[in-house]
């Protein structure tokens, strides 16, 4: 007949759990995304300001045109100031992918806001209002 193995004293297990939770509580988690932008001095007249909307389908609406993230990234220069609004239902992976592209292009500055919930018809109406 086999003997049951002793898994340890209850006080040892309690001590290990206390250490585990103390270490877990001490881990510093950040809720922000580190984005390194170009820090070169540029005059205000050289700055290009873009206001764009990242839709839940992953397309970027800029003025009256729809762009893929790669097409949009090609428009960015080191003197670009980007004001990016993100629809509420957009997956965060799409946001992170776009932020990665902006970091590669080394834009001057970035503003990121969550857009109020808009339906597709409201979005189409806004595009029509922008179009001449």
Protein backbone atom coordinates (compact mmCIF):
# COMPACT_ATOMS: atom_id res chain seq x y z
CA UNK A 1 0.00 0.00 0.00
CA UNK A 2 1.33 3.44 -0.93
CA UNK A 3 1.75 6.22 1.57
CA UNK A 4 0.16 9.56 0.92
CA UNK A 5 2.68 12.31 0.31
CA UNK A 6 2.65 15.23 2.67
CA UNK A 7 2.18 18.38 0.59
CA UNK A 8 3.55 20.65 3.29
CA UNK A 9 2.44 22.27 6.41
CA UNK A 10 -0.57 24.56 6.12
CA UNK A 11 1.53 27.39 7.58
CA UNK A 12 4.10 26.96 4.76
CA UNK A 13 1.40 27.15 2.12
CA UNK A 14 -0.16 30.21 3.78
CA UNK A 15 3.26 31.89 3.93
CA UNK A 16 3.87 31.22 0.23
CA UNK A 17 0.44 32.60 -0.66
CA UNK A 18 1.13 35.76 1.35
CA UNK A 19 4.42 36.26 -0.50
CA UNK A 20 2.71 35.64 -3.84
CA UNK A 21 0.01 38.24 -3.19
CA UNK A 22 2.53 40.79 -1.87
CA UNK A 23 4.59 40.41 -5.03
CA UNK A 24 1.50 40.59 -7.20
CA UNK A 25 0.32 43.78 -5.47
CA UNK A 26 3.76 45.35 -5.92
CA UNK A 27 3.80 44.95 -9.70
CA UNK A 28 3.45 48.35 -11.31
CA UNK A 29 1.03 48.15 -14.22
CA UNK A 30 0.75 51.06 -16.57
CA UNK A 31 -2.48 52.00 -18.27
CA UNK A 32 -0.81 54.05 -20.99
CA UNK A 33 0.94 53.28 -24.23
CA UNK A 34 4.48 54.55 -24.65
CA UNK A 35 4.63 56.46 -27.90
CA UNK A 36 7.89 58.10 -28.86
CA UNK A 37 7.43 61.00 -31.21
CA UNK A 38 9.95 63.12 -33.04
CA UNK A 39 11.31 65.80 -30.71
CA UNK A 40 13.00 67.99 -33.30
CA UNK A 41 12.13 71.67 -33.26
CA UNK A 42 9.70 72.60 -35.99
CA UNK A 43 8.02 75.93 -36.48
CA UNK A 44 4.27 76.18 -36.22
CA UNK A 45 3.97 77.06 -39.91
CA UNK A 46 5.52 73.74 -40.94
CA UNK A 47 3.10 71.66 -38.91
CA UNK A 48 0.39 69.72 -40.72
CA UNK A 49 -2.71 69.07 -38.61
CA UNK A 50 -4.82 66.03 -39.46
CA UNK A 51 -8.14 65.17 -37.83
CA UNK A 52 -9.16 61.58 -38.48
CA UNK A 53 -11.70 59.03 -37.28
CA UNK A 54 -10.83 55.35 -36.81
CA UNK A 55 -14.00 53.37 -37.50
CA UNK A 56 -14.96 50.02 -36.01
CA UNK A 57 -14.31 48.42 -39.42
CA UNK A 58 -10.66 49.52 -39.21
CA UNK A 59 -10.82 52.24 -41.86
CA UNK A 60 -9.73 55.81 -41.26
CA UNK A 61 -12.01 58.65 -42.32
CA UNK A 62 -10.00 61.73 -43.22
CA UNK A 63 -12.00 64.68 -44.52
CA UNK A 64 -14.30 63.06 -47.09
CA UNK A 65 -12.24 59.98 -47.91
CA UNK A 66 -11.84 56.54 -46.40
CA UNK A 67 -8.32 55.09 -46.09
CA UNK A 68 -6.74 51.84 -44.95
CA UNK A 69 -4.27 52.16 -42.05
CA UNK A 70 -1.28 51.68 -44.38
CA UNK A 71 -2.52 54.34 -46.82
CA UNK A 72 -3.10 56.68 -43.91
CA UNK A 73 0.36 56.02 -42.46
CA UNK A 74 1.96 57.04 -45.76
CA UNK A 75 0.39 60.50 -45.36
CA UNK A 76 2.09 61.07 -42.00
CA UNK A 77 5.32 63.06 -41.81
CA UNK A 78 7.54 64.13 -38.90
CA UNK A 79 5.76 67.50 -38.92
CA UNK A 80 2.27 66.00 -38.63
CA UNK A 81 0.06 66.70 -35.63
CA UNK A 82 -2.61 64.00 -35.52
CA UNK A 83 -5.94 64.30 -33.73
CA UNK A 84 -7.34 60.77 -33.84
CA UNK A 85 -10.87 59.97 -32.73
CA UNK A 86 -11.77 56.31 -32.21
CA UNK A 87 -15.29 54.95 -32.42
CA UNK A 88 -16.46 53.27 -29.23
CA UNK A 89 -16.95 49.83 -30.82
CA UNK A 90 -13.49 49.73 -32.46
CA UNK A 91 -11.33 46.83 -31.33
CA UNK A 92 -8.31 47.95 -29.37
CA UNK A 93 -6.03 45.81 -31.54
CA UNK A 94 -6.87 48.11 -34.46
CA UNK A 95 -6.03 51.13 -32.29
CA UNK A 96 -2.72 49.61 -31.21
CA UNK A 97 -1.86 48.71 -34.81
CA UNK A 98 -2.51 52.28 -35.94
CA UNK A 99 -0.52 53.72 -33.05
CA UNK A 100 2.35 51.45 -34.02
CA UNK A 101 2.24 52.82 -37.56
CA UNK A 102 2.23 56.41 -36.28
CA UNK A 103 5.22 55.65 -34.07
CA UNK A 104 7.14 54.30 -37.07
CA UNK A 105 6.42 57.52 -38.99
CA UNK A 106 7.67 59.62 -36.01
CA UNK A 107 4.93 62.23 -36.08
CA UNK A 108 5.27 65.50 -34.15
CA UNK A 109 2.33 64.92 -31.78
CA UNK A 110 -0.72 62.76 -31.26
CA UNK A 111 -4.07 63.33 -29.60
CA UNK A 112 -6.28 60.29 -29.01
CA UNK A 113 -9.94 60.57 -28.01
CA UNK A 114 -12.89 58.22 -27.87
CA UNK A 115 -15.60 59.37 -30.27
CA UNK A 116 -19.18 59.42 -29.16
CA UNK A 117 -21.21 56.50 -30.41
CA UNK A 118 -22.26 57.17 -34.00
CA UNK A 119 -24.34 54.98 -36.24
CA UNK A 120 -23.25 54.27 -39.85
CA UNK A 121 -25.97 56.59 -41.21
CA UNK A 122 -24.84 59.43 -38.95
CA UNK A 123 -21.26 58.84 -40.11
CA UNK A 124 -22.36 58.97 -43.77
CA UNK A 125 -24.21 62.22 -43.11
CA UNK A 126 -21.08 63.72 -41.54
CA UNK A 127 -19.04 62.69 -44.56
CA UNK A 128 -21.64 64.31 -46.87
CA UNK A 129 -21.52 67.52 -44.79
CA UNK A 130 -17.73 67.66 -45.17
CA UNK A 131 -17.80 67.00 -48.90
CA UNK A 132 -18.08 70.17 -51.01
